[in-house]
C-alpha atoms as a PDB file:
ATOM      1  CA  UNK A   1     117.876 126.612 216.943  1.00  0.00           C
ATOM      2  CA  UNK A   2     114.597 126.005 215.125  1.00  0.00           C
ATOM      3  CA  UNK A   3     116.177 127.105 211.830  1.00  0.00           C
ATOM      4  CA  UNK A   4     119.049 124.661 212.310  1.00  0.00           C
ATOM      5  CA  UNK A   5     116.584 121.850 213.004  1.00  0.00           C
ATOM      6  CA  UNK A   6     114.576 122.750 209.899  1.00  0.00           C
ATOM      7  CA  UNK A   7     117.704 122.857 207.733  1.00  0.00           C
ATOM      8  CA  UNK A   8     118.853 119.455 208.977  1.00  0.00           C
ATOM      9  CA  UNK A   9     115.330 118.108 208.455  1.00  0.00           C
ATOM     10  CA  UNK A  10     115.214 119.331 204.858  1.00  0.00           C
ATOM     11  CA  UNK A  11     118.662 117.914 204.125  1.00  0.00           C
ATOM     12  CA  UNK A  12     117.796 114.526 205.618  1.00  0.00           C
ATOM     13  CA  UNK A  13     114.475 114.448 203.790  1.00  0.00           C
ATOM     14  CA  UNK A  14     116.103 115.186 200.438  1.00  0.00           C
ATOM     15  CA  UNK A  15     118.681 112.449 200.970  1.00  0.00           C
ATOM     16  CA  UNK A  16     115.949 109.972 201.830  1.00  0.00           C
ATOM     17  CA  UNK A  17     113.865 111.048 198.845  1.00  0.00           C
ATOM     18  CA  UNK A  18     116.858 110.628 196.522  1.00  0.00           C
ATOM     19  CA  UNK A  19     117.241 107.074 197.820  1.00  0.00           C
ATOM     20  CA  UNK A  20     113.563 106.350 197.213  1.00  0.00           C
ATOM     21  CA  UNK A  21     113.908 107.617 193.639  1.00  0.00           C
ATOM     22  CA  UNK A  22     116.222 104.669 193.015  1.00  0.00           C
ATOM     23  CA  UNK A  23     113.090 102.519 193.012  1.00  0.00           C
ATOM     24  CA  UNK A  24     112.224 103.917 189.566  1.00  0.00           C
ATOM     25  CA  UNK A  25     113.639 102.390 186.358  1.00  0.00           C
ATOM     26  CA  UNK A  26     116.906 104.010 185.360  1.00  0.00           C
ATOM     27  CA  UNK A  27     115.633 105.571 182.142  1.00  0.00           C
ATOM     28  CA  UNK A  28     112.769 107.182 184.028  1.00  0.00           C
ATOM     29  CA  UNK A  29     115.128 108.552 186.703  1.00  0.00           C
ATOM     30  CA  UNK A  30     117.442 110.052 184.124  1.00  0.00           C
ATOM     31  CA  UNK A  31     114.526 111.876 182.542  1.00  0.00           C
ATOM     32  CA  UNK A  32     112.485 112.982 185.557  1.00  0.00           C
ATOM     33  CA  UNK A  33     114.480 112.711 188.821  1.00  0.00           C
ATOM     34  CA  UNK A  34     115.639 116.340 188.909  1.00  0.00           C
ATOM     35  CA  UNK A  35     112.138 117.647 188.228  1.00  0.00           C
ATOM     36  CA  UNK A  36     110.643 115.357 190.890  1.00  0.00           C
ATOM     37  CA  UNK A  37     113.203 116.489 193.454  1.00  0.00           C
ATOM     38  CA  UNK A  38     112.330 120.136 192.816  1.00  0.00           C
ATOM     39  CA  UNK A  39     108.647 119.333 193.266  1.00  0.00           C
ATOM     40  CA  UNK A  40     109.398 117.517 196.528  1.00  0.00           C
ATOM     41  CA  UNK A  41     111.350 120.484 197.886  1.00  0.00           C
ATOM     42  CA  UNK A  42     108.517 122.895 197.108  1.00  0.00           C
ATOM     43  CA  UNK A  43     105.924 120.607 198.632  1.00  0.00           C
ATOM     44  CA  UNK A  44     108.095 120.019 201.727  1.00  0.00           C
ATOM     45  CA  UNK A  45     108.593 123.755 202.287  1.00  0.00           C
ATOM     46  CA  UNK A  46     104.881 124.441 201.934  1.00  0.00           C
ATOM     47  CA  UNK A  47     103.856 121.578 204.228  1.00  0.00           C
ATOM     48  CA  UNK A  48     106.346 122.506 206.952  1.00  0.00           C
ATOM     49  CA  UNK A  49     105.396 126.187 206.916  1.00  0.00           C
ATOM     50  CA  UNK A  50     101.638 125.647 206.905  1.00  0.00           C
ATOM     51  CA  UNK A  51     101.195 122.544 209.074  1.00  0.00           C
ATOM     52  CA  UNK A  52     104.517 121.923 210.761  1.00  0.00           C
ATOM     53  CA  UNK A  53     105.513 118.387 211.732  1.00  0.00           C
ATOM     54  CA  UNK A  54     102.040 116.967 211.030  1.00  0.00           C
ATOM     55  CA  UNK A  55     102.104 118.393 207.530  1.00  0.00           C
ATOM     56  CA  UNK A  56     105.535 116.905 206.830  1.00  0.00           C
ATOM     57  CA  UNK A  57     104.369 113.479 208.019  1.00  0.00           C
ATOM     58  CA  UNK A  58     101.312 113.660 205.752  1.00  0.00           C
ATOM     59  CA  UNK A  59     103.554 114.712 202.883  1.00  0.00           C
ATOM     60  CA  UNK A  60     105.820 111.715 203.427  1.00  0.00           C
ATOM     61  CA  UNK A  61     102.838 109.402 203.579  1.00  0.00           C
ATOM     62  CA  UNK A  62     101.418 110.679 200.284  1.00  0.00           C
ATOM     63  CA  UNK A  63     104.755 110.905 198.446  1.00  0.00           C
ATOM     64  CA  UNK A  64     105.874 107.452 199.568  1.00  0.00           C
ATOM     65  CA  UNK A  65     102.592 105.844 198.542  1.00  0.00           C
ATOM     66  CA  UNK A  66     102.598 107.491 195.100  1.00  0.00           C
ATOM     67  CA  UNK A  67     106.281 106.772 194.547  1.00  0.00           C
ATOM     68  CA  UNK A  68     106.028 103.058 195.351  1.00  0.00           C
ATOM     69  CA  UNK A  69     102.844 102.661 193.300  1.00  0.00           C
ATOM     70  CA  UNK A  70     104.158 104.393 190.187  1.00  0.00           C
ATOM     71  CA  UNK A  71     107.577 102.748 190.435  1.00  0.00           C
ATOM     72  CA  UNK A  72     105.957  99.311 190.533  1.00  0.00           C
ATOM     73  CA  UNK A  73     103.721 100.157 187.566  1.00  0.00           C
ATOM     74  CA  UNK A  74     106.677 101.410 185.544  1.00  0.00           C
ATOM     75  CA  UNK A  75     108.693  98.282 186.273  1.00  0.00           C
ATOM     76  CA  UNK A  76     105.788  96.068 185.229  1.00  0.00           C
ATOM     77  CA  UNK A  77     105.409  98.114 182.056  1.00  0.00           C
ATOM     78  CA  UNK A  78     109.126  97.875 181.291  1.00  0.00           C
ATOM     79  CA  UNK A  79     109.046  94.087 181.733  1.00  0.00           C
ATOM     80  CA  UNK A  80     105.965  93.746 179.514  1.00  0.00           C
ATOM     81  CA  UNK A  81     107.284  96.270 176.954  1.00  0.00           C
ATOM     82  CA  UNK A  82     111.073  96.334 177.243  1.00  0.00           C
ATOM     83  CA  UNK A  83     111.434  99.326 174.920  1.00  0.00           C
ATOM     84  CA  UNK A  84     108.800 101.516 176.526  1.00  0.00           C
ATOM     85  CA  UNK A  85     111.158 103.404 178.830  1.00  0.00           C
ATOM     86  CA  UNK A  86     114.249 103.602 176.703  1.00  0.00           C
ATOM     87  CA  UNK A  87     115.200 104.413 173.170  1.00  0.00           C
ATOM     88  CA  UNK A  88     115.401 100.993 171.605  1.00  0.00           C
ATOM     89  CA  UNK A  89     117.782 102.106 168.899  1.00  0.00           C
ATOM     90  CA  UNK A  90     120.505 104.507 167.975  1.00  0.00           C
ATOM     91  CA  UNK A  91     121.121 105.311 164.341  1.00  0.00           C
ATOM     92  CA  UNK A  92     123.718 106.663 161.969  1.00  0.00           C
ATOM     93  CA  UNK A  93     122.354 108.211 158.794  1.00  0.00           C
ATOM     94  CA  UNK A  94     123.516 109.957 155.650  1.00  0.00           C
ATOM     95  CA  UNK A  95     121.604 111.290 152.664  1.00  0.00           C
ATOM     96  CA  UNK A  96     122.117 113.085 149.395  1.00  0.00           C
ATOM     97  CA  UNK A  97     120.289 113.989 146.214  1.00  0.00           C
ATOM     98  CA  UNK A  98     122.140 114.534 142.941  1.00  0.00           C
ATOM     99  CA  UNK A  99     121.001 115.969 139.622  1.00  0.00           C
ATOM    100  CA  UNK A 100     122.787 113.254 137.629  1.00  0.00           C
ATOM    101  CA  UNK A 101     124.609 113.760 134.338  1.00  0.00           C
ATOM    102  CA  UNK A 102     121.847 114.508 131.825  1.00  0.00           C
ATOM    103  CA  UNK A 103     118.903 116.259 133.520  1.00  0.00           C
ATOM    104  CA  UNK A 104     118.607 120.041 133.611  1.00  0.00           C
ATOM    105  CA  UNK A 105     116.737 120.085 136.940  1.00  0.00           C
ATOM    106  CA  UNK A 106     116.549 117.853 140.000  1.00  0.00           C
ATOM    107  CA  UNK A 107     112.993 116.720 140.629  1.00  0.00           C
ATOM    108  CA  UNK A 108     114.002 114.396 143.487  1.00  0.00           C
ATOM    109  CA  UNK A 109     113.637 115.404 147.100  1.00  0.00           C
ATOM    110  CA  UNK A 110     114.260 113.934 150.542  1.00  0.00           C
ATOM    111  CA  UNK A 111     113.469 114.454 154.199  1.00  0.00           C
ATOM    112  CA  UNK A 112     115.241 113.089 157.284  1.00  0.00           C
ATOM    113  CA  UNK A 113     114.160 113.693 160.874  1.00  0.00           C
ATOM    114  CA  UNK A 114     115.169 112.113 164.181  1.00  0.00           C
ATOM    115  CA  UNK A 115     113.441 114.485 166.643  1.00  0.00           C
ATOM    116  CA  UNK A 116     115.536 116.111 169.371  1.00  0.00           C
ATOM    117  CA  UNK A 117     112.503 115.841 171.646  1.00  0.00           C
ATOM    118  CA  UNK A 118     113.055 112.460 173.330  1.00  0.00           C
ATOM    119  CA  UNK A 119     109.360 111.926 174.001  1.00  0.00           C
ATOM    120  CA  UNK A 120     108.454 112.638 170.372  1.00  0.00           C
ATOM    121  CA  UNK A 121     111.219 110.312 169.180  1.00  0.00           C
ATOM    122  CA  UNK A 122     110.007 107.560 171.492  1.00  0.00           C
ATOM    123  CA  UNK A 123     106.378 108.044 170.510  1.00  0.00           C
ATOM    124  CA  UNK A 124     106.690 108.648 166.752  1.00  0.00           C
ATOM    125  CA  UNK A 125     110.194 107.470 165.807  1.00  0.00           C
ATOM    126  CA  UNK A 126     112.573 108.796 163.165  1.00  0.00           C
ATOM    127  CA  UNK A 127     111.146 109.567 159.715  1.00  0.00           C
ATOM    128  CA  UNK A 128     112.896 109.236 156.327  1.00  0.00           C
ATOM    129  CA  UNK A 129     111.391 110.157 152.941  1.00  0.00           C
ATOM    130  CA  UNK A 130     112.494 110.146 149.305  1.00  0.00           C
ATOM    131  CA  UNK A 131     110.405 111.467 146.431  1.00  0.00           C
ATOM    132  CA  UNK A 132     110.801 111.622 142.647  1.00  0.00           C
ATOM    133  CA  UNK A 133     108.686 114.295 140.985  1.00  0.00           C
ATOM    134  CA  UNK A 134     106.959 113.992 137.636  1.00  0.00           C
ATOM    135  CA  UNK A 135     105.683 116.665 135.269  1.00  0.00           C
ATOM    136  CA  UNK A 136     106.948 119.381 132.960  1.00  0.00           C
ATOM    137  CA  UNK A 137     109.752 121.800 133.832  1.00  0.00           C
ATOM    138  CA  UNK A 138     109.814 122.641 137.542  1.00  0.00           C
ATOM    139  CA  UNK A 139     106.418 121.063 138.246  1.00  0.00           C
ATOM    140  CA  UNK A 140     107.902 117.747 139.326  1.00  0.00           C
ATOM    141  CA  UNK A 141     110.210 119.545 141.741  1.00  0.00           C
ATOM    142  CA  UNK A 142     107.269 121.408 143.248  1.00  0.00           C
ATOM    143  CA  UNK A 143     105.290 118.182 143.638  1.00  0.00           C
ATOM    144  CA  UNK A 144     108.140 116.248 145.256  1.00  0.00           C
ATOM    145  CA  UNK A 145     108.917 119.117 147.619  1.00  0.00           C
ATOM    146  CA  UNK A 146     105.253 119.469 148.563  1.00  0.00           C
ATOM    147  CA  UNK A 147     105.019 115.734 149.242  1.00  0.00           C
ATOM    148  CA  UNK A 148     107.965 115.660 151.660  1.00  0.00           C
ATOM    149  CA  UNK A 149     106.667 118.767 153.421  1.00  0.00           C
ATOM    150  CA  UNK A 150     103.086 117.559 153.850  1.00  0.00           C
ATOM    151  CA  UNK A 151     103.981 113.986 154.785  1.00  0.00           C
ATOM    152  CA  UNK A 152     106.489 115.039 157.436  1.00  0.00           C
ATOM    153  CA  UNK A 153     104.124 117.613 158.937  1.00  0.00           C
ATOM    154  CA  UNK A 154     101.114 115.308 158.912  1.00  0.00           C
ATOM    155  CA  UNK A 155     103.025 112.351 160.345  1.00  0.00           C
ATOM    156  CA  UNK A 156     104.388 114.184 163.389  1.00  0.00           C
ATOM    157  CA  UNK A 157     101.055 115.910 163.901  1.00  0.00           C
ATOM    158  CA  UNK A 158      99.117 112.644 164.105  1.00  0.00           C
ATOM    159  CA  UNK A 159     100.379 111.300 167.470  1.00  0.00           C
ATOM    160  CA  UNK A 160      98.690 107.930 167.005  1.00  0.00           C
ATOM    161  CA  UNK A 161     100.156 104.666 168.218  1.00  0.00           C
ATOM    162  CA  UNK A 162     100.095 103.113 164.746  1.00  0.00           C
ATOM    163  CA  UNK A 163     102.895 104.469 162.522  1.00  0.00           C
ATOM    164  CA  UNK A 164     101.474 102.782 159.422  1.00  0.00           C
ATOM    165  CA  UNK A 165      98.083 104.423 159.922  1.00  0.00           C
ATOM    166  CA  UNK A 166      99.851 107.757 160.423  1.00  0.00           C
ATOM    167  CA  UNK A 167     101.926 107.278 157.259  1.00  0.00           C
ATOM    168  CA  UNK A 168      98.897 106.254 155.242  1.00  0.00           C
ATOM    169  CA  UNK A 169      96.968 109.349 156.317  1.00  0.00           C
ATOM    170  CA  UNK A 170     100.009 111.563 155.696  1.00  0.00           C
ATOM    171  CA  UNK A 171     100.267 110.205 152.134  1.00  0.00           C
ATOM    172  CA  UNK A 172      96.587 110.983 151.589  1.00  0.00           C
ATOM    173  CA  UNK A 173      97.087 114.573 152.768  1.00  0.00           C
ATOM    174  CA  UNK A 174     100.056 114.967 150.437  1.00  0.00           C
ATOM    175  CA  UNK A 175      98.072 113.479 147.570  1.00  0.00           C
ATOM    176  CA  UNK A 176      95.225 115.939 148.113  1.00  0.00           C
ATOM    177  CA  UNK A 177      97.651 118.860 148.345  1.00  0.00           C
ATOM    178  CA  UNK A 178      99.336 117.949 145.048  1.00  0.00           C
ATOM    179  CA  UNK A 179      95.976 117.550 143.332  1.00  0.00           C
ATOM    180  CA  UNK A 180      94.882 120.945 144.599  1.00  0.00           C
ATOM    181  CA  UNK A 181      98.167 122.487 143.504  1.00  0.00           C
ATOM    182  CA  UNK A 182      97.671 120.991 140.044  1.00  0.00           C
ATOM    183  CA  UNK A 183      94.278 122.626 139.691  1.00  0.00           C
ATOM    184  CA  UNK A 184      95.141 126.070 141.059  1.00  0.00           C
ATOM    185  CA  UNK A 185      98.833 126.833 140.516  1.00  0.00           C
ATOM    186  CA  UNK A 186      99.404 129.634 137.995  1.00  0.00           C
ATOM    187  CA  UNK A 187     102.493 127.991 136.506  1.00  0.00           C
ATOM    188  CA  UNK A 188     100.620 124.835 135.512  1.00  0.00           C
ATOM    189  CA  UNK A 189      98.800 126.169 132.460  1.00  0.00           C
ATOM    190  CA  UNK A 190      99.524 124.428 129.161  1.00  0.00           C
ATOM    191  CA  UNK A 191     101.487 121.564 130.694  1.00  0.00           C
ATOM    192  CA  UNK A 192     101.594 118.135 129.050  1.00  0.00           C
ATOM    193  CA  UNK A 193     101.268 116.111 132.268  1.00  0.00           C
ATOM    194  CA  UNK A 194      99.694 116.876 135.655  1.00  0.00           C
ATOM    195  CA  UNK A 195     102.056 117.169 138.627  1.00  0.00           C
ATOM    196  CA  UNK A 196     102.843 114.050 140.603  1.00  0.00           C
ATOM    197  CA  UNK A 197     105.562 112.286 142.532  1.00  0.00           C
ATOM    198  CA  UNK A 198     106.608 108.878 143.698  1.00  0.00           C
ATOM    199  CA  UNK A 199     107.324 108.465 147.391  1.00  0.00           C
ATOM    200  CA  UNK A 200     108.923 105.978 149.750  1.00  0.00           C
ATOM    201  CA  UNK A 201     108.784 106.795 153.457  1.00  0.00           C
ATOM    202  CA  UNK A 202     110.092 104.847 156.427  1.00  0.00           C
ATOM    203  CA  UNK A 203     109.705 105.215 160.175  1.00  0.00           C
ATOM    204  CA  UNK A 204     112.148 103.600 162.562  1.00  0.00           C
ATOM    205  CA  UNK A 205     110.617 103.265 166.020  1.00  0.00           C
ATOM    206  CA  UNK A 206     111.914 100.970 168.739  1.00  0.00           C
ATOM    207  CA  UNK A 207     113.106  97.907 166.821  1.00  0.00           C
ATOM    208  CA  UNK A 208     110.531  98.050 164.052  1.00  0.00           C
ATOM    209  CA  UNK A 209     110.660  99.582 160.595  1.00  0.00           C
ATOM    210  CA  UNK A 210     107.418 100.902 159.101  1.00  0.00           C
ATOM    211  CA  UNK A 211     107.417 101.604 155.360  1.00  0.00           C
ATOM    212  CA  UNK A 212     104.905 103.164 152.963  1.00  0.00           C
ATOM    213  CA  UNK A 213     105.325 103.696 149.236  1.00  0.00           C
ATOM    214  CA  UNK A 214     103.657 104.861 146.055  1.00  0.00           C
ATOM    215  CA  UNK A 215     105.377 104.548 142.684  1.00  0.00           C
ATOM    216  CA  UNK A 216     108.843 103.132 142.042  1.00  0.00           C
ATOM    217  CA  UNK A 217     110.949 104.775 144.745  1.00  0.00           C
ATOM    218  CA  UNK A 218     112.215 101.948 146.917  1.00  0.00           C
ATOM    219  CA  UNK A 219     113.066 100.835 150.439  1.00  0.00           C
ATOM    220  CA  UNK A 220     115.626  98.089 151.072  1.00  0.00           C
ATOM    221  CA  UNK A 221     116.881  96.442 154.260  1.00  0.00           C
ATOM    222  CA  UNK A 222     120.323  94.890 154.580  1.00  0.00           C
ATOM    223  CA  UNK A 223     120.249  92.139 157.216  1.00  0.00           C
ATOM    224  CA  UNK A 224     122.897  89.474 157.813  1.00  0.00           C
ATOM    225  CA  UNK A 225     124.539  90.220 154.474  1.00  0.00           C
ATOM    226  CA  UNK A 226     121.293  89.947 152.489  1.00  0.00           C
ATOM    227  CA  UNK A 227     119.769  92.972 150.764  1.00  0.00           C
ATOM    228  CA  UNK A 228     116.005  92.703 150.385  1.00  0.00           C
ATOM    229  CA  UNK A 229     113.627  95.102 148.671  1.00  0.00           C
ATOM    230  CA  UNK A 230     110.747  95.868 151.050  1.00  0.00           C
ATOM    231  CA  UNK A 231     108.591  97.899 148.704  1.00  0.00           C
ATOM    232  CA  UNK A 232     106.953  96.815 145.455  1.00  0.00           C
ATOM    233  CA  UNK A 233     107.290  99.050 142.388  1.00  0.00           C
ATOM    234  CA  UNK A 234     104.007 100.258 140.924  1.00  0.00           C
ATOM    235  CA  UNK A 235     105.373 100.147 137.392  1.00  0.00           C
ATOM    236  CA  UNK A 236     104.455  98.577 134.079  1.00  0.00           C
ATOM    237  CA  UNK A 237     107.701  96.597 133.911  1.00  0.00           C
ATOM    238  CA  UNK A 238     107.088  94.955 137.295  1.00  0.00           C
ATOM    239  CA  UNK A 239     103.683  93.822 136.054  1.00  0.00           C
ATOM    240  CA  UNK A 240     105.307  92.418 132.898  1.00  0.00           C
ATOM    241  CA  UNK A 241     107.916  90.566 134.989  1.00  0.00           C
ATOM    242  CA  UNK A 242     105.240  89.150 137.287  1.00  0.00           C
ATOM    243  CA  UNK A 243     103.303  87.905 134.263  1.00  0.00           C
ATOM    244  CA  UNK A 244     106.446  86.283 132.896  1.00  0.00           C
ATOM    245  CA  UNK A 245     106.475  88.403 129.744  1.00  0.00           C
ATOM    246  CA  UNK A 246     109.955  89.838 130.393  1.00  0.00           C
ATOM    247  CA  UNK A 247     112.843  89.025 132.723  1.00  0.00           C
ATOM    248  CA  UNK A 248     114.111  91.312 135.551  1.00  0.00           C
ATOM    249  CA  UNK A 249     117.223  91.976 133.438  1.00  0.00           C
ATOM    250  CA  UNK A 250     115.072  93.012 130.467  1.00  0.00           C
ATOM    251  CA  UNK A 251     113.017  95.272 132.722  1.00  0.00           C
ATOM    252  CA  UNK A 252     116.091  97.407 133.417  1.00  0.00           C
ATOM    253  CA  UNK A 253     116.386  98.452 129.776  1.00  0.00           C
ATOM    254  CA  UNK A 254     112.728  98.214 128.762  1.00  0.00           C
ATOM    255  CA  UNK A 255     111.485 101.200 126.762  1.00  0.00           C
ATOM    256  CA  UNK A 256     108.556 101.685 129.165  1.00  0.00           C
ATOM    257  CA  UNK A 257     110.453 101.142 132.420  1.00  0.00           C
ATOM    258  CA  UNK A 258     109.586 104.668 133.601  1.00  0.00           C
ATOM    259  CA  UNK A 259     105.818 104.217 133.295  1.00  0.00           C
ATOM    260  CA  UNK A 260     104.112 103.903 136.682  1.00  0.00           C
ATOM    261  CA  UNK A 261     100.458 103.445 137.515  1.00  0.00           C
ATOM    262  CA  UNK A 262     100.497 104.898 141.040  1.00  0.00           C
ATOM    263  CA  UNK A 263     101.789 108.284 142.181  1.00  0.00           C
ATOM    264  CA  UNK A 264     100.894 111.039 144.592  1.00  0.00           C
ATOM    265  CA  UNK A 265      98.748 113.491 142.666  1.00  0.00           C
ATOM    266  CA  UNK A 266      96.475 110.821 141.219  1.00  0.00           C
ATOM    267  CA  UNK A 267      92.898 110.402 142.393  1.00  0.00           C
ATOM    268  CA  UNK A 268      92.247 107.930 145.229  1.00  0.00           C
ATOM    269  CA  UNK A 269      95.825 106.699 145.354  1.00  0.00           C
ATOM    270  CA  UNK A 270      96.409 103.410 147.147  1.00  0.00           C
ATOM    271  CA  UNK A 271      99.363 103.305 149.559  1.00  0.00           C
ATOM    272  CA  UNK A 272     101.292 100.085 150.186  1.00  0.00           C
ATOM    273  CA  UNK A 273     102.440  99.605 153.777  1.00  0.00           C
ATOM    274  CA  UNK A 274     104.964  97.207 155.286  1.00  0.00           C
ATOM    275  CA  UNK A 275     106.257  96.344 158.743  1.00  0.00           C
ATOM    276  CA  UNK A 276     109.712  94.826 159.391  1.00  0.00           C
ATOM    277  CA  UNK A 277     111.631  93.943 162.547  1.00  0.00           C
ATOM    278  CA  UNK A 278     115.158  95.365 162.602  1.00  0.00           C
ATOM    279  CA  UNK A 279     118.229  94.567 164.673  1.00  0.00           C
ATOM    280  CA  UNK A 280     121.520  96.170 165.552  1.00  0.00           C
ATOM    281  CA  UNK A 281     123.688  96.224 162.429  1.00  0.00           C
ATOM    282  CA  UNK A 282     120.781  96.339 159.981  1.00  0.00           C
ATOM    283  CA  UNK A 283     120.874  99.040 157.300  1.00  0.00           C
ATOM    284  CA  UNK A 284     117.969 100.817 155.611  1.00  0.00           C
ATOM    285  CA  UNK A 285     118.289 102.218 152.091  1.00  0.00           C
ATOM    286  CA  UNK A 286     115.686 104.531 150.576  1.00  0.00           C
ATOM    287  CA  UNK A 287     116.309 105.529 146.977  1.00  0.00           C
ATOM    288  CA  UNK A 288     114.745 106.813 143.790  1.00  0.00           C
ATOM    289  CA  UNK A 289     114.901 104.931 140.504  1.00  0.00           C
ATOM    290  CA  UNK A 290     117.871 107.016 139.413  1.00  0.00           C
ATOM    291  CA  UNK A 291     119.889 104.726 141.666  1.00  0.00           C
ATOM    292  CA  UNK A 292     118.028 101.405 141.495  1.00  0.00           C
ATOM    293  CA  UNK A 293     117.887 101.475 137.682  1.00  0.00           C
ATOM    294  CA  UNK A 294     121.661 101.816 137.429  1.00  0.00           C
ATOM    295  CA  UNK A 295     122.952  99.432 140.098  1.00  0.00           C
ATOM    296  CA  UNK A 296     122.148  95.769 140.608  1.00  0.00           C
ATOM    297  CA  UNK A 297     121.012  94.745 144.069  1.00  0.00           C
ATOM    298  CA  UNK A 298     124.256  92.880 144.731  1.00  0.00           C
ATOM    299  CA  UNK A 299     126.250  95.992 143.885  1.00  0.00           C
ATOM    300  CA  UNK A 300     124.277  98.082 146.348  1.00  0.00           C
ATOM    301  CA  UNK A 301     124.605  95.325 148.952  1.00  0.00           C
ATOM    302  CA  UNK A 302     128.396  95.263 148.608  1.00  0.00           C
ATOM    303  CA  UNK A 303     128.636  99.014 149.147  1.00  0.00           C
ATOM    304  CA  UNK A 304     126.238  99.096 152.102  1.00  0.00           C
ATOM    305  CA  UNK A 305     127.942  96.135 153.742  1.00  0.00           C
ATOM    306  CA  UNK A 306     131.483  97.499 153.564  1.00  0.00           C
ATOM    307  CA  UNK A 307     131.073 101.232 154.202  1.00  0.00           C
ATOM    308  CA  UNK A 308     129.479 103.499 156.774  1.00  0.00           C
ATOM    309  CA  UNK A 309     126.332 105.443 155.779  1.00  0.00           C
ATOM    310  CA  UNK A 310     128.176 108.582 154.657  1.00  0.00           C
ATOM    311  CA  UNK A 311     130.634 106.690 152.464  1.00  0.00           C
ATOM    312  CA  UNK A 312     127.847 104.420 151.194  1.00  0.00           C
ATOM    313  CA  UNK A 313     125.772 107.362 149.971  1.00  0.00           C
ATOM    314  CA  UNK A 314     128.746 108.914 148.205  1.00  0.00           C
ATOM    315  CA  UNK A 315     129.717 105.663 146.484  1.00  0.00           C
ATOM    316  CA  UNK A 316     126.172 104.726 145.464  1.00  0.00           C
ATOM    317  CA  UNK A 317     125.607 108.060 143.743  1.00  0.00           C
ATOM    318  CA  UNK A 318     129.076 108.062 142.201  1.00  0.00           C
ATOM    319  CA  UNK A 319     128.450 104.612 140.697  1.00  0.00           C
ATOM    320  CA  UNK A 320     125.122 105.706 139.200  1.00  0.00           C
ATOM    321  CA  UNK A 321     126.792 108.757 137.663  1.00  0.00           C
ATOM    322  CA  UNK A 322     129.671 106.681 136.304  1.00  0.00           C
ATOM    323  CA  UNK A 323     127.062 104.703 134.344  1.00  0.00           C
ATOM    324  CA  UNK A 324     125.758 107.814 132.683  1.00  0.00           C
ATOM    325  CA  UNK A 325     123.624 109.345 135.434  1.00  0.00           C
ATOM    326  CA  UNK A 326     120.576 109.503 133.131  1.00  0.00           C
ATOM    327  CA  UNK A 327     118.223 110.470 135.950  1.00  0.00           C
ATOM    328  CA  UNK A 328     118.249 112.351 139.236  1.00  0.00           C
ATOM    329  CA  UNK A 329     119.696 110.200 142.024  1.00  0.00           C
ATOM    330  CA  UNK A 330     118.668 110.217 145.688  1.00  0.00           C
ATOM    331  CA  UNK A 331     119.774 107.925 148.509  1.00  0.00           C
ATOM    332  CA  UNK A 332     119.141 107.818 152.248  1.00  0.00           C
ATOM    333  CA  UNK A 333     121.169 105.271 154.242  1.00  0.00           C
ATOM    334  CA  UNK A 334     120.353 104.555 157.894  1.00  0.00           C
ATOM    335  CA  UNK A 335     122.238 102.065 160.071  1.00  0.00           C
ATOM    336  CA  UNK A 336     120.944 100.738 163.388  1.00  0.00           C
ATOM    337  CA  UNK A 337     123.989 100.889 165.672  1.00  0.00           C
ATOM    338  CA  UNK A 338     122.372  99.995 168.999  1.00  0.00           C
ATOM    339  CA  UNK A 339     119.209  98.264 170.012  1.00  0.00           C
END
């Protein structure tokens, strides 16, 4: 008889507790309700066995108080920060790097990560990187690969609430690693140029895009049919255009268009950082100069606007190769499909 009463008591208590869990925001319930129910069952069993009815009443008092308090706090937080308890975006992405038509090696590299861990994704966002290595033989490839590796590791290790600060510090770590590699690597003897790489990195978190760059790899955002370059090239030709000495069209064919004055691997490199709001339907493009030097902005816009990310990447690289493919070509396309 006592066992039947206890069984009915547990069943009724669980049903009541499930109802009380409805007080929590939906996103929180979906993530934690099962775990909280298990914890309640364990606590209920322990209280009933050790203290009987009085213990169960105390348990209900404590659980109800904590549940109502935390549920209210979470609702207030969700009203003040609407994206805090949900993933404020869903994305579609595609990426590819191509050797081009004339180079013997591919010194470009890329990295794409949208963490499977929901908490890490919510806290740190999705990370996208493109790099374009510089140096003799395979040295540029080593530098660009090292940059993507160190930046991605350092960014997700930082766990700060400021993505731009995390990106900036990650770039500094990569810069130091490339400098150290340049001074110690056995294969770097008798090279004409020290190792280095350009880099453009972007973090998409909630409904904000955070971008950092060094060199002439670029980040663009397509919004409402307008393609806008977010980054600023650290190149000689951009300086000449800004001074009015040449036109943007002349810069594309200028003899010194590949000369840059900032790159990872240089001493005390300065990192440019940008912050942009994004909306559903917006598209991010990260690319190396093997793409941006071959296609006009309006040509890239037309492709990004009319095709999904996978088709966009294929067409962008195909167009650059059709125009000779004189350099390695890398493109990462990310579309915000929900927000």
